Every structure is written in structure tokens, then in C-alpha cells.
């Protein structure tokens, strides 16, 4: 069975909502606070909607229904469902501080009781069995920004092949630079096919234009450095949990040089198994502009 289920549970204030957002970025269909008895229904719905990876948060908010979670997990595993139960924890002191800072109400706190500390104590007892059977325990006590994301990626990455979605975009500087570019390369120093009569009316997708650009002695060493820099940057972006990366390559009109180099980089990253899309922002615009001028 290809269906995969990740259940996020644990102490309130330990980062469960953040974990679900991370899983959603990783391509999971995320549902928070699902009643445990609906897990089998979730499996049926996921089959009909073709969601092969689902993440759900189940914790003390379920109340007495939490008792049904363990039997449901056993039934689903008997059906061949791949399940990962992640338990998030943190020290009592840190949990108490987080509730004070966010001013959120603990799900087990009731007016007239002895405060959040008692609610944390009660929740620990309530979730003790789930903590024991969890596939992974993540302690967020000393976590900084991004640490939880890194931990979840490290846990599930071999299964889902997580990484940022990469857009490679060619453009023309005369039409303005892309506002959302994370990395930008200027290739206007390369030999320009526009000034070669038999190449001028073609664009960077034409084999003759691509060959002309490749023959420039500056192209190969520059492109090699681009590959190295992009590879290093994407590895770091993945580590930081960045969901989208835009790599912009620009020449004068966005018609020849930038198009050709963008195509090369697209094929390179595709071979490296990155999730990559290619877009030529100004190619059609520059062709029309030059046709009107002629």
C-alpha cells in the first residue's frame, strides 16, 4: 500500500502546529485535531482523493477519545498502512514559558484549577502511553528557529525526497529584474547572437544559437561556477527548509543568452533530481518587439 500516514502528537506548546505546517510544505495533506476514530475514514477519503501522504495532529484535545488511538493504529498497520508516530516534547519550564509568551490557553486548563503547571502535569500522564509507543521522540526544549524543520526533514527525507521547488527563469534586463529572485546571474558579458545576422531572428532554444553561445571561451568556466554555486545554495536552502527557490538568468532582451543558459541549468538540476520548472519570462515579448521594429 502506497498510502503513508504521519501522526504528530505530544505536549501542547512543543511545536505540533509548526510540525504540521512543515509536513504540509513537504507535500503531505495536513489535518489538525482529527478524532482518533476517524483514522480509518481518513484512509478511505485519501484513496478517493488520491492523497498518498497524509499528516494529522492527534493529542490531548481529543479527550477520552484518545483511548481509541492505539487500537486504530494496530488496525491500520494490519492493513499495510505505513505509519510514523512522532511525539514532540519539551521541558515543563519551557512549555510554561511558551504559554506565557503566546498567551494561549492550555487545552487541559480550566478556570479555578491550579494553573498551567497542573495542566502540563495532567497532560504528561494522559500522553504517557503514546510517548512509549512513538516511532520518534523529538525534544524541542533547546530548539532554535528551523531546528524542528531540520529534525522532521531528517526523519522523513529518505521517504519523500524533500527539497525546495526550483523555478529557473530567463529574463531581459531591459524589461526589469524579477522581484522574487533568490539567485540572479547576469550573462550579458557573453558573446551576443543578436549581432550575428543568421542568428539574430532565432532564440536561445535554437541549436545554432546554443552552439554559438557554447563556443564563447567564457561560457564553460562561468557555467561551471554557476553549477557549483547553485548546488551549494540549494543544499543550504533545503537545510533551512525553504519551500521555493527562484533562480533568474538575465541577458539584454531575455531572448538568446539567458534562454540558452537557463535551459542548460534546468537540465542539470533535473538530472540531479531537484523539483525544477523552467520559464522564459521575456522570450515572446522580445520576439514581438523586434518584429515590430522590422
Protein backbone atom coordinates (compact mmCIF):
# COMPACT_ATOMS: atom_id res chain seq x y z
CA UNK A 1 0.00 0.00 0.00
CA UNK A 2 1.45 3.38 -1.07
CA UNK A 3 -0.54 5.36 1.49
CA UNK A 4 1.65 6.90 4.21
CA UNK A 5 0.36 8.39 7.43
CA UNK A 6 2.32 10.61 9.80
CA UNK A 7 0.71 11.30 13.18
CA UNK A 8 2.01 14.23 15.20
CA UNK A 9 1.28 14.07 18.90
CA UNK A 10 2.88 15.26 22.12
CA UNK A 11 2.82 18.05 24.62
CA UNK A 12 0.91 21.25 23.96
CA UNK A 13 3.42 24.01 23.26
CA UNK A 14 6.10 21.63 21.98
CA UNK A 15 5.58 22.62 18.33
CA UNK A 16 2.87 20.35 16.93
CA UNK A 17 1.21 23.05 14.80
CA UNK A 18 4.58 24.04 13.37
CA UNK A 19 5.34 20.39 12.62
CA UNK A 20 2.12 20.04 10.63
CA UNK A 21 2.98 23.16 8.61
CA UNK A 22 6.39 21.65 7.85
CA UNK A 23 4.80 18.39 6.73
CA UNK A 24 2.38 20.34 4.54
CA UNK A 25 5.38 22.01 2.88
CA UNK A 26 6.79 18.53 2.31
CA UNK A 27 3.74 17.54 0.27
CA UNK A 28 1.58 15.97 2.96
CA UNK A 29 -2.14 16.65 3.20
CA UNK A 30 -2.26 18.01 6.75
CA UNK A 31 -5.22 17.83 9.15
CA UNK A 32 -5.09 19.03 12.73
CA UNK A 33 -7.02 17.67 15.72
CA UNK A 34 -8.51 14.64 13.99
CA UNK A 35 -10.65 12.41 16.23
CA UNK A 36 -8.80 9.06 16.52
CA UNK A 37 -11.88 7.06 15.47
CA UNK A 38 -11.81 8.86 12.10
CA UNK A 39 -8.43 7.45 11.07
CA UNK A 40 -9.95 4.64 9.00
CA UNK A 41 -12.35 7.10 7.40
CA UNK A 42 -9.35 9.27 6.58
CA UNK A 43 -7.78 6.31 4.79
CA UNK A 44 -10.90 5.84 2.63
CA UNK A 45 -11.13 9.55 1.83
CA UNK A 46 -7.45 9.69 0.94
CA UNK A 47 -7.85 6.80 -1.50
CA UNK A 48 -10.72 8.51 -3.30
CA UNK A 49 -8.95 11.88 -3.41
CA UNK A 50 -5.58 10.36 -4.36
CA UNK A 51 -3.72 11.80 -1.39
CA UNK A 52 -0.94 9.27 -0.83
CA UNK A 53 0.69 11.13 2.07
CA UNK A 54 -1.34 12.44 4.97
CA UNK A 55 -0.27 14.05 8.26
CA UNK A 56 -2.58 14.61 11.17
CA UNK A 57 -2.32 16.02 14.67
CA UNK A 58 -3.88 13.97 17.46
CA UNK A 59 -3.28 14.94 21.06
CA UNK A 60 -4.87 15.74 24.42
CA UNK A 61 -7.57 17.83 22.74
CA UNK A 62 -9.22 14.53 21.79
CA UNK A 63 -10.04 13.93 25.45
CA UNK A 64 -11.34 10.44 26.23
CA UNK A 65 -11.35 9.56 22.54
CA UNK A 66 -7.55 9.40 22.75
CA UNK A 67 -8.02 5.89 24.14
CA UNK A 68 -9.08 4.76 20.66
CA UNK A 69 -5.82 5.85 19.01
CA UNK A 70 -3.67 2.83 19.88
CA UNK A 71 -6.25 0.22 18.70
CA UNK A 72 -6.78 2.20 15.48
CA UNK A 73 -3.05 2.27 14.81
CA UNK A 74 -2.89 -1.51 15.20
CA UNK A 75 -5.78 -2.00 12.77
CA UNK A 76 -4.26 0.31 10.16
CA UNK A 77 -0.86 -1.37 10.40
CA UNK A 78 -2.58 -4.73 9.90
CA UNK A 79 -3.99 -3.27 6.66
CA UNK A 80 -0.47 -2.47 5.50
CA UNK A 81 -0.54 1.28 6.12
CA UNK A 82 2.88 2.82 6.74
CA UNK A 83 2.54 4.88 9.90
CA UNK A 84 5.03 7.13 11.63
CA UNK A 85 4.06 8.39 15.08
CA UNK A 86 6.04 11.49 16.07
CA UNK A 87 5.93 12.62 19.69
CA UNK A 88 7.01 16.21 20.41
CA UNK A 89 8.13 17.03 23.91
CA UNK A 90 9.81 19.82 25.84
CA UNK A 91 10.73 20.58 29.43
CA UNK A 92 7.99 21.77 31.76
CA UNK A 93 9.80 25.07 32.28
CA UNK A 94 9.98 25.78 28.55
CA UNK A 95 6.36 24.76 27.98
CA UNK A 96 5.24 27.06 30.79
CA UNK A 97 7.27 29.94 29.34
CA UNK A 98 5.85 29.40 25.86
CA UNK A 99 2.28 29.53 27.15
CA UNK A 100 3.05 32.75 29.00
CA UNK A 101 4.66 34.30 25.92
CA UNK A 102 1.91 33.32 23.48
CA UNK A 103 -0.91 33.82 25.99
CA UNK A 104 -2.68 30.78 24.60
CA UNK A 105 -4.87 28.58 26.77
CA UNK A 106 -3.66 25.09 27.56
CA UNK A 107 -6.26 22.52 26.40
CA UNK A 108 -6.38 20.93 29.87
CA UNK A 109 -6.55 24.19 31.81
CA UNK A 110 -9.86 25.11 33.42
CA UNK A 111 -10.67 28.22 35.48
CA UNK A 112 -10.46 27.57 39.17
CA UNK A 113 -7.73 24.92 38.86
CA UNK A 114 -4.12 25.29 39.97
CA UNK A 115 -2.89 26.84 36.72
CA UNK A 116 -0.94 25.82 33.64
CA UNK A 117 1.65 23.82 35.61
CA UNK A 118 -1.04 21.40 36.76
CA UNK A 119 -2.41 21.19 33.22
CA UNK A 120 1.06 20.27 31.90
CA UNK A 121 1.39 17.59 34.60
CA UNK A 122 -2.03 16.15 33.72
CA UNK A 123 -1.19 16.12 30.02
CA UNK A 124 2.05 14.21 30.62
CA UNK A 125 0.12 11.49 32.39
CA UNK A 126 -2.52 11.45 29.69
CA UNK A 127 0.03 11.03 26.87
CA UNK A 128 2.47 8.68 28.65
CA UNK A 129 1.38 5.59 26.69
CA UNK A 130 1.69 7.38 23.33
CA UNK A 131 5.17 8.57 24.27
CA UNK A 132 6.18 4.97 24.88
CA UNK A 133 4.98 3.65 21.52
CA UNK A 134 6.11 6.64 19.39
CA UNK A 135 8.39 5.89 16.45
CA UNK A 136 10.28 9.12 17.04
CA UNK A 137 10.65 11.39 20.05
CA UNK A 138 11.68 14.98 19.29
CA UNK A 139 12.62 17.18 22.25
CA UNK A 140 12.22 20.85 21.28
CA UNK A 141 13.45 22.28 24.60
CA UNK A 142 16.59 23.85 23.14
CA UNK A 143 15.37 24.23 19.55
CA UNK A 144 16.04 27.41 17.65
CA UNK A 145 14.23 28.62 14.53
CA UNK A 146 14.48 25.93 11.86
CA UNK A 147 15.65 23.11 14.17
CA UNK A 148 12.27 21.38 14.19
CA UNK A 149 12.09 21.58 10.43
CA UNK A 150 15.55 20.05 10.12
CA UNK A 151 14.62 17.24 12.51
CA UNK A 152 11.46 16.32 10.61
CA UNK A 153 13.20 16.53 7.24
CA UNK A 154 15.98 14.27 8.52
CA UNK A 155 13.41 11.78 9.76
CA UNK A 156 11.27 11.61 6.62
CA UNK A 157 13.55 12.82 3.83
CA UNK A 158 14.61 9.32 2.66
CA UNK A 159 10.93 8.58 2.08
CA UNK A 160 9.60 11.76 0.48
CA UNK A 161 12.63 13.24 -1.26
CA UNK A 162 12.07 16.66 0.22
CA UNK A 163 13.63 19.76 -1.27
CA UNK A 164 12.61 23.21 -2.45
CA UNK A 165 10.67 23.68 -5.66
CA UNK A 166 13.03 25.44 -8.05
CA UNK A 167 11.99 27.91 -10.74
CA UNK A 168 14.63 28.77 -13.32
CA UNK A 169 13.66 31.94 -15.10
CA UNK A 170 15.35 33.62 -18.05
CA UNK A 171 14.67 37.33 -18.42
CA UNK A 172 15.76 40.52 -20.16
CA UNK A 173 17.28 43.33 -18.11
CA UNK A 174 15.62 45.91 -20.34
CA UNK A 175 12.26 44.68 -19.08
CA UNK A 176 13.26 44.85 -15.41
CA UNK A 177 14.69 42.30 -12.99
CA UNK A 178 12.47 39.64 -11.34
CA UNK A 179 11.42 40.86 -7.91
CA UNK A 180 11.25 37.37 -6.41
CA UNK A 181 14.69 36.08 -7.49
CA UNK A 182 16.72 34.32 -4.78
CA UNK A 183 19.77 33.95 -7.04
CA UNK A 184 20.44 36.12 -10.09
CA UNK A 185 23.08 35.72 -12.81
CA UNK A 186 23.96 38.33 -15.43
CA UNK A 187 25.17 36.77 -18.71
CA UNK A 188 25.37 39.95 -20.76
CA UNK A 189 29.18 39.58 -20.94
CA UNK A 190 28.87 36.50 -23.18
CA UNK A 191 29.02 36.79 -26.97
CA UNK A 192 25.65 38.04 -28.24
CA UNK A 193 23.99 36.13 -31.12
CA UNK A 194 21.81 39.17 -31.77
CA UNK A 195 24.65 40.72 -33.76
CA UNK A 196 25.09 37.66 -35.98
CA UNK A 197 22.72 38.10 -38.98
CA UNK A 198 21.87 34.41 -39.41
CA UNK A 199 21.19 34.03 -35.65
CA UNK A 200 19.52 37.32 -34.82
CA UNK A 201 15.97 36.22 -35.62
CA UNK A 202 16.34 32.93 -33.77
CA UNK A 203 16.18 32.50 -30.00
CA UNK A 204 18.11 30.65 -27.31
CA UNK A 205 16.25 27.39 -27.89
CA UNK A 206 17.68 27.05 -31.43
CA UNK A 207 20.63 24.60 -31.70
CA UNK A 208 22.66 27.07 -33.78
CA UNK A 209 22.29 29.78 -31.13
CA UNK A 210 23.12 27.38 -28.31
CA UNK A 211 26.23 26.22 -30.16
CA UNK A 212 27.34 29.82 -30.77
CA UNK A 213 26.99 30.66 -27.06
CA UNK A 214 28.78 27.46 -26.01
CA UNK A 215 31.75 28.36 -28.22
CA UNK A 216 32.40 31.57 -26.28
CA UNK A 217 35.51 30.75 -24.17
CA UNK A 218 33.86 32.42 -21.16
CA UNK A 219 30.73 30.26 -21.22
CA UNK A 220 32.10 26.96 -19.91
CA UNK A 221 34.06 28.29 -16.88
CA UNK A 222 31.22 30.63 -15.95
CA UNK A 223 28.59 27.90 -16.23
CA UNK A 224 30.71 25.55 -14.10
CA UNK A 225 30.84 28.15 -11.33
CA UNK A 226 27.08 28.66 -11.61
CA UNK A 227 26.55 24.92 -11.16
CA UNK A 228 28.77 24.84 -8.08
CA UNK A 229 27.13 27.89 -6.51
CA UNK A 230 23.57 26.75 -7.23
CA UNK A 231 24.29 23.25 -5.91
CA UNK A 232 25.70 24.60 -2.65
CA UNK A 233 22.86 27.14 -2.26
CA UNK A 234 20.13 24.55 -2.83
CA UNK A 235 21.66 22.24 -0.24
CA UNK A 236 21.62 25.07 2.29
CA UNK A 237 18.10 26.15 1.31
CA UNK A 238 16.97 22.56 1.88
CA UNK A 239 18.61 22.54 5.30
CA UNK A 240 16.80 25.76 6.19
CA UNK A 241 13.50 24.35 4.94
CA UNK A 242 12.96 26.88 2.16
CA UNK A 243 9.96 25.76 0.09
CA UNK A 244 10.56 27.75 -3.12
CA UNK A 245 13.71 29.00 -4.85
CA UNK A 246 13.79 31.23 -7.93
CA UNK A 247 16.99 31.33 -9.98
CA UNK A 248 16.99 34.17 -12.53
CA UNK A 249 19.37 34.35 -15.50
CA UNK A 250 19.35 37.59 -17.44
CA UNK A 251 20.72 38.99 -20.68
CA UNK A 252 19.79 42.18 -22.51
CA UNK A 253 16.47 41.13 -24.04
CA UNK A 254 15.86 37.71 -22.48
CA UNK A 255 15.90 36.08 -25.91
CA UNK A 256 19.26 34.40 -26.61
CA UNK A 257 21.93 34.00 -23.93
CA UNK A 258 19.75 33.84 -20.84
CA UNK A 259 17.40 31.37 -22.51
CA UNK A 260 20.23 29.05 -23.51
CA UNK A 261 21.93 29.10 -20.08
CA UNK A 262 18.60 28.64 -18.31
CA UNK A 263 17.92 25.55 -20.40
CA UNK A 264 21.33 24.13 -19.51
CA UNK A 265 20.80 24.71 -15.82
CA UNK A 266 17.30 23.24 -15.97
CA UNK A 267 18.60 20.01 -17.49
CA UNK A 268 21.43 19.84 -14.96
CA UNK A 269 19.14 20.21 -11.93
CA UNK A 270 16.63 17.81 -13.45
CA UNK A 271 19.36 15.16 -13.67
CA UNK A 272 20.20 15.86 -10.02
CA UNK A 273 16.56 15.04 -9.12
CA UNK A 274 15.56 18.54 -7.98
CA UNK A 275 11.93 19.55 -8.49
CA UNK A 276 12.54 22.16 -11.17
CA UNK A 277 10.45 24.25 -13.59
CA UNK A 278 11.74 26.34 -16.49
CA UNK A 279 10.21 29.66 -17.55
CA UNK A 280 11.32 32.15 -20.22
CA UNK A 281 9.75 35.37 -18.96
CA UNK A 282 10.59 37.74 -21.82
CA UNK A 283 11.26 35.47 -24.79
CA UNK A 284 7.92 36.01 -26.54
CA UNK A 285 7.88 39.70 -25.62
CA UNK A 286 11.31 40.35 -27.12
CA UNK A 287 10.48 38.45 -30.31
CA UNK A 288 7.35 40.58 -30.81
CA UNK A 289 9.21 43.79 -30.05
CA UNK A 290 11.89 43.06 -32.63
CA UNK A 291 9.33 42.01 -35.24
CA UNK A 292 7.55 45.35 -34.85
CA UNK A 293 10.82 47.20 -35.26
CA UNK A 294 11.47 45.42 -38.54
